[in-house]
Full PDB file with SEQRES, HELIX, SHEET, SSBOND, CRYST1, ORIGX, SCALE, CONECT and MASTER records, all heavy atoms in Angstrom:
SEQRES   1 A   31  PRO GLY LEU LEU THR ASN ALA PHE PHE ILE ILE LEU MET          
SEQRES   2 A   31  LYS THR TYR PHE GLU ASN SER ILE PRO THR SER LEU ILE          
SEQRES   3 A   31  GLU ALA ALA GLN ILE                                          
HELIX    1 AA1 ALA A    7  SER A   20  1                                  14    
HELIX    2 AA2 THR A   23  GLN A   30  1                                   8    
CRYST1    1.000    1.000    1.000  90.00  90.00  90.00 P 1           1          
ORIGX1      1.000000  0.000000  0.000000        0.00000                         
ORIGX2      0.000000  1.000000  0.000000        0.00000                         
ORIGX3      0.000000  0.000000  1.000000        0.00000                         
SCALE1      1.000000  0.000000  0.000000        0.00000                         
SCALE2      0.000000  1.000000  0.000000        0.00000                         
SCALE3      0.000000  0.000000  1.000000        0.00000                         
ATOM      1  N   PRO A   1     143.977 255.929-152.209  1.00  0.00           N  
ATOM      2  CA  PRO A   1     143.010 255.849-151.212  1.00  0.00           C  
ATOM      3  C   PRO A   1     142.551 254.595-150.712  1.00  0.00           C  
ATOM      4  O   PRO A   1     142.175 254.402-149.516  1.00  0.00           O  
ATOM      5  CB  PRO A   1     141.826 256.672-151.711  1.00  0.00           C  
ATOM      6  CG  PRO A   1     142.445 257.534-152.695  1.00  0.00           C  
ATOM      7  CD  PRO A   1     143.464 256.798-153.342  1.00  0.00           C  
ATOM      8  N   GLY A   2     142.575 253.537-151.468  1.00  0.00           N  
ATOM      9  CA  GLY A   2     142.157 252.249-151.049  1.00  0.00           C  
ATOM     10  C   GLY A   2     143.211 251.305-150.931  1.00  0.00           C  
ATOM     11  O   GLY A   2     142.986 250.035-150.766  1.00  0.00           O  
ATOM     12  N   LEU A   3     144.498 251.628-150.929  1.00  0.00           N  
ATOM     13  CA  LEU A   3     145.576 250.852-150.996  1.00  0.00           C  
ATOM     14  C   LEU A   3     145.824 250.000-149.685  1.00  0.00           C  
ATOM     15  O   LEU A   3     145.805 248.756-149.667  1.00  0.00           O  
ATOM     16  CB  LEU A   3     146.911 251.566-151.279  1.00  0.00           C  
ATOM     17  CG  LEU A   3     148.205 250.751-151.531  1.00  0.00           C  
ATOM     18  CD1 LEU A   3     147.878 249.840-152.753  1.00  0.00           C  
ATOM     19  CD2 LEU A   3     149.328 251.636-151.825  1.00  0.00           C  
ATOM     20  N   LEU A   4     146.003 250.659-148.552  1.00  0.00           N  
ATOM     21  CA  LEU A   4     146.353 249.966-147.296  1.00  0.00           C  
ATOM     22  C   LEU A   4     145.224 249.981-146.283  1.00  0.00           C  
ATOM     23  O   LEU A   4     145.513 249.985-145.097  1.00  0.00           O  
ATOM     24  CB  LEU A   4     147.602 250.345-146.754  1.00  0.00           C  
ATOM     25  CG  LEU A   4     148.893 250.273-147.682  1.00  0.00           C  
ATOM     26  CD1 LEU A   4     150.087 250.895-147.121  1.00  0.00           C  
ATOM     27  CD2 LEU A   4     149.161 248.736-147.867  1.00  0.00           C  
ATOM     28  N   THR A   5     144.016 250.018-146.705  1.00  0.00           N  
ATOM     29  CA  THR A   5     142.979 250.303-145.748  1.00  0.00           C  
ATOM     30  C   THR A   5     142.007 249.207-145.728  1.00  0.00           C  
ATOM     31  O   THR A   5     140.872 249.424-145.280  1.00  0.00           O  
ATOM     32  CB  THR A   5     142.199 251.568-146.203  1.00  0.00           C  
ATOM     33  OG1 THR A   5     141.683 251.440-147.503  1.00  0.00           O  
ATOM     34  CG2 THR A   5     143.150 252.780-146.174  1.00  0.00           C  
ATOM     35  N   ASN A   6     142.348 247.979-145.971  1.00  0.00           N  
ATOM     36  CA  ASN A   6     141.434 246.887-145.842  1.00  0.00           C  
ATOM     37  C   ASN A   6     141.731 245.932-144.752  1.00  0.00           C  
ATOM     38  O   ASN A   6     142.673 245.052-144.868  1.00  0.00           O  
ATOM     39  CB  ASN A   6     141.334 246.121-147.223  1.00  0.00           C  
ATOM     40  CG  ASN A   6     140.083 245.360-147.355  1.00  0.00           C  
ATOM     41  OD1 ASN A   6     139.502 244.956-146.366  1.00  0.00           O  
ATOM     42  ND2 ASN A   6     139.650 245.103-148.608  1.00  0.00           N  
ATOM     43  N   ALA A   7     141.202 246.111-143.669  1.00  0.00           N  
ATOM     44  CA  ALA A   7     141.476 245.222-142.545  1.00  0.00           C  
ATOM     45  C   ALA A   7     141.033 243.785-142.715  1.00  0.00           C  
ATOM     46  O   ALA A   7     141.629 242.928-142.135  1.00  0.00           O  
ATOM     47  CB  ALA A   7     140.821 245.837-141.252  1.00  0.00           C  
ATOM     48  N   PHE A   8     140.003 243.594-143.603  1.00  0.00           N  
ATOM     49  CA  PHE A   8     139.605 242.142-143.813  1.00  0.00           C  
ATOM     50  C   PHE A   8     140.670 241.432-144.431  1.00  0.00           C  
ATOM     51  O   PHE A   8     140.882 240.235-144.131  1.00  0.00           O  
ATOM     52  CB  PHE A   8     138.402 242.228-144.767  1.00  0.00           C  
ATOM     53  CG  PHE A   8     137.898 240.885-145.173  1.00  0.00           C  
ATOM     54  CD1 PHE A   8     137.330 240.107-144.295  1.00  0.00           C  
ATOM     55  CD2 PHE A   8     137.969 240.437-146.548  1.00  0.00           C  
ATOM     56  CE1 PHE A   8     136.876 238.797-144.650  1.00  0.00           C  
ATOM     57  CE2 PHE A   8     137.482 239.363-146.811  1.00  0.00           C  
ATOM     58  CZ  PHE A   8     137.027 238.414-146.025  1.00  0.00           C  
ATOM     59  N   PHE A   9     141.525 242.042-145.376  1.00  0.00           N  
ATOM     60  CA  PHE A   9     142.666 241.319-145.840  1.00  0.00           C  
ATOM     61  C   PHE A   9     143.653 240.897-144.854  1.00  0.00           C  
ATOM     62  O   PHE A   9     144.272 239.790-144.927  1.00  0.00           O  
ATOM     63  CB  PHE A   9     143.347 242.081-146.981  1.00  0.00           C  
ATOM     64  CG  PHE A   9     142.480 242.337-148.158  1.00  0.00           C  
ATOM     65  CD1 PHE A   9     143.009 243.126-149.143  1.00  0.00           C  
ATOM     66  CD2 PHE A   9     141.335 241.648-148.455  1.00  0.00           C  
ATOM     67  CE1 PHE A   9     142.300 243.302-150.367  1.00  0.00           C  
ATOM     68  CE2 PHE A   9     140.556 241.830-149.499  1.00  0.00           C  
ATOM     69  CZ  PHE A   9     141.040 242.575-150.648  1.00  0.00           C  
ATOM     70  N   ILE A  10     143.913 241.760-143.842  1.00  0.00           N  
ATOM     71  CA  ILE A  10     144.827 241.427-142.713  1.00  0.00           C  
ATOM     72  C   ILE A  10     144.330 240.264-142.013  1.00  0.00           C  
ATOM     73  O   ILE A  10     145.147 239.385-141.681  1.00  0.00           O  
ATOM     74  CB  ILE A  10     145.024 242.703-141.855  1.00  0.00           C  
ATOM     75  CG1 ILE A  10     145.630 243.885-142.651  1.00  0.00           C  
ATOM     76  CG2 ILE A  10     145.831 242.357-140.558  1.00  0.00           C  
ATOM     77  CD1 ILE A  10     145.707 245.168-141.910  1.00  0.00           C  
ATOM     78  N   ILE A  11     143.047 240.242-141.735  1.00  0.00           N  
ATOM     79  CA  ILE A  11     142.473 239.064-140.941  1.00  0.00           C  
ATOM     80  C   ILE A  11     142.621 237.861-141.777  1.00  0.00           C  
ATOM     81  O   ILE A  11     142.970 236.743-141.197  1.00  0.00           O  
ATOM     82  CB  ILE A  11     141.039 239.365-140.622  1.00  0.00           C  
ATOM     83  CG1 ILE A  11     141.027 240.512-139.542  1.00  0.00           C  
ATOM     84  CG2 ILE A  11     140.395 238.147-139.943  1.00  0.00           C  
ATOM     85  CD1 ILE A  11     139.522 241.060-139.169  1.00  0.00           C  
ATOM     86  N   LEU A  12     142.315 237.873-143.057  1.00  0.00           N  
ATOM     87  CA  LEU A  12     142.465 236.663-143.952  1.00  0.00           C  
ATOM     88  C   LEU A  12     143.834 236.178-143.931  1.00  0.00           C  
ATOM     89  O   LEU A  12     144.090 234.943-143.822  1.00  0.00           O  
ATOM     90  CB  LEU A  12     142.042 236.996-145.417  1.00  0.00           C  
ATOM     91  CG  LEU A  12     140.588 236.982-145.617  1.00  0.00           C  
ATOM     92  CD1 LEU A  12     140.317 237.285-147.174  1.00  0.00           C  
ATOM     93  CD2 LEU A  12     140.048 235.655-145.409  1.00  0.00           C  
ATOM     94  N   MET A  13     144.855 237.014-144.100  1.00  0.00           N  
ATOM     95  CA  MET A  13     146.262 236.666-144.087  1.00  0.00           C  
ATOM     96  C   MET A  13     146.747 236.074-142.861  1.00  0.00           C  
ATOM     97  O   MET A  13     147.436 235.103-142.761  1.00  0.00           O  
ATOM     98  CB  MET A  13     147.125 237.832-144.640  1.00  0.00           C  
ATOM     99  CG  MET A  13     148.526 237.445-144.954  1.00  0.00           C  
ATOM    100  SD  MET A  13     149.232 238.645-145.936  1.00  0.00           S  
ATOM    101  CE  MET A  13     149.270 237.904-147.452  1.00  0.00           C  
ATOM    102  N   LYS A  14     146.305 236.724-141.762  1.00  0.00           N  
ATOM    103  CA  LYS A  14     146.622 236.268-140.398  1.00  0.00           C  
ATOM    104  C   LYS A  14     146.129 234.800-140.171  1.00  0.00           C  
ATOM    105  O   LYS A  14     146.858 233.938-139.649  1.00  0.00           O  
ATOM    106  CB  LYS A  14     146.154 237.178-139.350  1.00  0.00           C  
ATOM    107  CG  LYS A  14     146.429 236.728-137.933  1.00  0.00           C  
ATOM    108  CD  LYS A  14     145.703 237.706-136.849  1.00  0.00           C  
ATOM    109  CE  LYS A  14     145.668 237.260-135.559  1.00  0.00           C  
ATOM    110  NZ  LYS A  14     145.004 236.026-135.220  1.00  0.00           N  
ATOM    111  N   THR A  15     144.829 234.654-140.523  1.00  0.00           N  
ATOM    112  CA  THR A  15     144.257 233.286-140.407  1.00  0.00           C  
ATOM    113  C   THR A  15     144.996 232.222-141.180  1.00  0.00           C  
ATOM    114  O   THR A  15     145.152 231.163-140.811  1.00  0.00           O  
ATOM    115  CB  THR A  15     142.708 233.372-140.723  1.00  0.00           C  
ATOM    116  OG1 THR A  15     142.164 234.475-139.891  1.00  0.00           O  
ATOM    117  CG2 THR A  15     142.089 232.044-140.412  1.00  0.00           C  
ATOM    118  N   TYR A  16     145.302 232.690-142.509  1.00  0.00           N  
ATOM    119  CA  TYR A  16     145.933 231.698-143.278  1.00  0.00           C  
ATOM    120  C   TYR A  16     147.287 231.318-142.686  1.00  0.00           C  
ATOM    121  O   TYR A  16     147.567 230.155-142.799  1.00  0.00           O  
ATOM    122  CB  TYR A  16     146.168 232.330-144.661  1.00  0.00           C  
ATOM    123  CG  TYR A  16     146.777 231.317-145.756  1.00  0.00           C  
ATOM    124  CD1 TYR A  16     146.070 230.333-146.298  1.00  0.00           C  
ATOM    125  CD2 TYR A  16     148.244 231.344-145.901  1.00  0.00           C  
ATOM    126  CE1 TYR A  16     146.687 229.467-147.217  1.00  0.00           C  
ATOM    127  CE2 TYR A  16     148.775 230.549-146.725  1.00  0.00           C  
ATOM    128  CZ  TYR A  16     148.063 229.468-147.329  1.00  0.00           C  
ATOM    129  OH  TYR A  16     148.668 228.692-148.297  1.00  0.00           O  
ATOM    130  N   PHE A  17     148.106 232.218-142.293  1.00  0.00           N  
ATOM    131  CA  PHE A  17     149.447 231.899-141.810  1.00  0.00           C  
ATOM    132  C   PHE A  17     149.365 231.138-140.461  1.00  0.00           C  
ATOM    133  O   PHE A  17     150.241 230.255-140.299  1.00  0.00           O  
ATOM    134  CB  PHE A  17     150.230 233.152-141.613  1.00  0.00           C  
ATOM    135  CG  PHE A  17     150.832 233.903-142.839  1.00  0.00           C  
ATOM    136  CD1 PHE A  17     150.658 235.104-142.931  1.00  0.00           C  
ATOM    137  CD2 PHE A  17     151.467 233.001-143.726  1.00  0.00           C  
ATOM    138  CE1 PHE A  17     151.202 235.874-144.106  1.00  0.00           C  
ATOM    139  CE2 PHE A  17     151.942 233.688-144.807  1.00  0.00           C  
ATOM    140  CZ  PHE A  17     151.914 235.029-145.030  1.00  0.00           C  
ATOM    141  N   GLU A  18     148.358 231.376-139.624  1.00  0.00           N  
ATOM    142  CA  GLU A  18     148.296 230.587-138.426  1.00  0.00           C  
ATOM    143  C   GLU A  18     147.855 229.169-138.694  1.00  0.00           C  
ATOM    144  O   GLU A  18     148.269 228.270-137.990  1.00  0.00           O  
ATOM    145  CB  GLU A  18     147.279 231.278-137.543  1.00  0.00           C  
ATOM    146  CG  GLU A  18     147.743 232.473-136.791  1.00  0.00           C  
ATOM    147  CD  GLU A  18     146.712 233.100-135.910  1.00  0.00           C  
ATOM    148  OE1 GLU A  18     145.559 232.720-135.942  1.00  0.00           O  
ATOM    149  OE2 GLU A  18     147.110 234.079-135.221  1.00  0.00           O  
ATOM    150  N   ASN A  19     146.954 228.917-139.667  1.00  0.00           N  
ATOM    151  CA  ASN A  19     146.426 227.607-139.889  1.00  0.00           C  
ATOM    152  C   ASN A  19     147.039 226.782-141.002  1.00  0.00           C  
ATOM    153  O   ASN A  19     147.026 225.580-140.923  1.00  0.00           O  
ATOM    154  CB  ASN A  19     144.883 227.830-140.224  1.00  0.00           C  
ATOM    155  CG  ASN A  19     144.101 228.304-139.146  1.00  0.00           C  
ATOM    156  OD1 ASN A  19     144.500 228.190-138.037  1.00  0.00           O  
ATOM    157  ND2 ASN A  19     143.038 228.985-139.564  1.00  0.00           N  
ATOM    158  N   SER A  20     147.796 227.419-141.924  1.00  0.00           N  
ATOM    159  CA  SER A  20     148.410 226.620-142.978  1.00  0.00           C  
ATOM    160  C   SER A  20     149.883 226.538-143.057  1.00  0.00           C  
ATOM    161  O   SER A  20     150.359 225.630-143.734  1.00  0.00           O  
ATOM    162  CB  SER A  20     147.857 227.342-144.347  1.00  0.00           C  
ATOM    163  OG  SER A  20     146.481 227.326-144.445  1.00  0.00           O  
ATOM    164  N   ILE A  21     150.612 227.337-142.370  1.00  0.00           N  
ATOM    165  CA  ILE A  21     152.068 227.253-142.305  1.00  0.00           C  
ATOM    166  C   ILE A  21     152.460 226.732-140.907  1.00  0.00           C  
ATOM    167  O   ILE A  21     152.314 227.467-140.006  1.00  0.00           O  
ATOM    168  CB  ILE A  21     152.670 228.609-142.641  1.00  0.00           C  
ATOM    169  CG1 ILE A  21     152.297 228.997-144.091  1.00  0.00           C  
ATOM    170  CG2 ILE A  21     154.200 228.494-142.486  1.00  0.00           C  
ATOM    171  CD1 ILE A  21     152.826 230.370-144.522  1.00  0.00           C  
ATOM    172  N   PRO A  22     152.981 225.488-140.857  1.00  0.00           N  
ATOM    173  CA  PRO A  22     153.376 225.003-139.636  1.00  0.00           C  
ATOM    174  C   PRO A  22     154.501 225.657-138.989  1.00  0.00           C  
ATOM    175  O   PRO A  22     155.503 225.922-139.672  1.00  0.00           O  
ATOM    176  CB  PRO A  22     153.672 223.401-139.983  1.00  0.00           C  
ATOM    177  CG  PRO A  22     153.920 223.413-141.381  1.00  0.00           C  
ATOM    178  CD  PRO A  22     153.237 224.595-142.040  1.00  0.00           C  
ATOM    179  N   THR A  23     154.398 225.883-137.710  1.00  0.00           N  
ATOM    180  CA  THR A  23     155.490 226.545-137.020  1.00  0.00           C  
ATOM    181  C   THR A  23     156.717 225.597-136.860  1.00  0.00           C  
ATOM    182  O   THR A  23     157.774 226.051-136.736  1.00  0.00           O  
ATOM    183  CB  THR A  23     155.000 226.956-135.523  1.00  0.00           C  
ATOM    184  OG1 THR A  23     154.453 225.914-134.842  1.00  0.00           O  
ATOM    185  CG2 THR A  23     153.888 227.981-135.584  1.00  0.00           C  
ATOM    186  N   SER A  24     156.390 224.322-136.890  1.00  0.00           N  
ATOM    187  CA  SER A  24     157.548 223.377-136.861  1.00  0.00           C  
ATOM    188  C   SER A  24     158.504 223.488-137.999  1.00  0.00           C  
ATOM    189  O   SER A  24     159.700 223.381-137.903  1.00  0.00           O  
ATOM    190  CB  SER A  24     157.052 221.933-136.658  1.00  0.00           C  
ATOM    191  OG  SER A  24     156.344 221.644-137.799  1.00  0.00           O  
ATOM    192  N   LEU A  25     157.946 223.860-139.142  1.00  0.00           N  
ATOM    193  CA  LEU A  25     158.791 224.073-140.362  1.00  0.00           C  
ATOM    194  C   LEU A  25     159.704 225.251-140.123  1.00  0.00           C  
ATOM    195  O   LEU A  25     160.857 225.281-140.500  1.00  0.00           O  
ATOM    196  CB  LEU A  25     157.848 224.256-141.553  1.00  0.00           C  
ATOM    197  CG  LEU A  25     158.510 224.229-142.962  1.00  0.00           C  
ATOM    198  CD1 LEU A  25     159.172 222.971-143.196  1.00  0.00           C  
ATOM    199  CD2 LEU A  25     157.463 224.527-143.984  1.00  0.00           C  
ATOM    200  N   ILE A  26     159.164 226.327-139.675  1.00  0.00           N  
ATOM    201  CA  ILE A  26     159.837 227.546-139.385  1.00  0.00           C  
ATOM    202  C   ILE A  26     160.953 227.344-138.234  1.00  0.00           C  
ATOM    203  O   ILE A  26     162.127 227.723-138.365  1.00  0.00           O  
ATOM    204  CB  ILE A  26     158.909 228.709-139.000  1.00  0.00           C  
ATOM    205  CG1 ILE A  26     158.105 229.072-140.225  1.00  0.00           C  
ATOM    206  CG2 ILE A  26     159.669 229.999-138.483  1.00  0.00           C  
ATOM    207  CD1 ILE A  26     156.919 229.969-139.807  1.00  0.00           C  
ATOM    208  N   GLU A  27     160.580 226.550-137.238  1.00  0.00           N  
ATOM    209  CA  GLU A  27     161.540 226.266-136.121  1.00  0.00           C  
ATOM    210  C   GLU A  27     162.703 225.468-136.724  1.00  0.00           C  
ATOM    211  O   GLU A  27     163.855 225.533-136.299  1.00  0.00           O  
ATOM    212  CB  GLU A  27     160.862 225.502-135.066  1.00  0.00           C  
ATOM    213  CG  GLU A  27     159.845 226.483-134.228  1.00  0.00           C  
ATOM    214  CD  GLU A  27     158.981 225.652-133.273  1.00  0.00           C  
ATOM    215  OE1 GLU A  27     159.051 224.411-133.260  1.00  0.00           O  
ATOM    216  OE2 GLU A  27     158.268 226.285-132.566  1.00  0.00           O  
ATOM    217  N   ALA A  28     162.359 224.488-137.598  1.00  0.00           N  
ATOM    218  CA  ALA A  28     163.436 223.552-138.223  1.00  0.00           C  
ATOM    219  C   ALA A  28     164.365 224.444-138.941  1.00  0.00           C  
ATOM    220  O   ALA A  28     165.577 224.152-138.981  1.00  0.00           O  
ATOM    221  CB  ALA A  28     162.753 222.569-139.032  1.00  0.00           C  
ATOM    222  N   ALA A  29     163.862 225.343-139.698  1.00  0.00           N  
ATOM    223  CA  ALA A  29     164.683 226.276-140.555  1.00  0.00           C  
ATOM    224  C   ALA A  29     165.705 227.140-139.603  1.00  0.00           C  
ATOM    225  O   ALA A  29     166.844 227.325-139.924  1.00  0.00           O  
ATOM    226  CB  ALA A  29     163.954 227.163-141.406  1.00  0.00           C  
ATOM    227  N   GLN A  30     165.047 227.587-138.440  1.00  0.00           N  
ATOM    228  CA  GLN A  30     165.833 228.382-137.503  1.00  0.00           C  
ATOM    229  C   GLN A  30     167.002 227.449-136.911  1.00  0.00           C  
ATOM    230  O   GLN A  30     168.120 227.928-136.724  1.00  0.00           O  
ATOM    231  CB  GLN A  30     164.998 228.892-136.418  1.00  0.00           C  
ATOM    232  CG  GLN A  30     164.156 230.019-136.922  1.00  0.00           C  
ATOM    233  CD  GLN A  30     163.074 230.469-135.780  1.00  0.00           C  
ATOM    234  OE1 GLN A  30     162.837 229.758-134.905  1.00  0.00           O  
ATOM    235  NE2 GLN A  30     162.637 231.662-135.934  1.00  0.00           N  
ATOM    236  N   ILE A  31     166.653 226.220-136.622  1.00  0.00           N  
ATOM    237  CA  ILE A  31     167.645 225.311-136.130  1.00  0.00           C  
ATOM    238  C   ILE A  31     168.758 224.981-137.122  1.00  0.00           C  
ATOM    239  O   ILE A  31     169.945 224.888-136.775  1.00  0.00           O  
ATOM    240  CB  ILE A  31     167.017 223.936-135.668  1.00  0.00           C  
ATOM    241  CG1 ILE A  31     166.132 224.247-134.346  1.00  0.00           C  
ATOM    242  CG2 ILE A  31     168.017 222.940-135.410  1.00  0.00           C  
ATOM    243  CD1 ILE A  31     165.253 223.031-133.954  1.00  0.00           C  
TER     244      ILE A  31                                                      
MASTER        0    0    0    2    0    0    0    6  243    1    0    3          
END                                                                             
């Protein structure tokens, strides 16, 4: 019942990925 129902965790993870993982690193790996 409490497994996938926490929207706060989704917001935390989204914010972390946007602010801490540089997109240039992902683009370099794609290149």
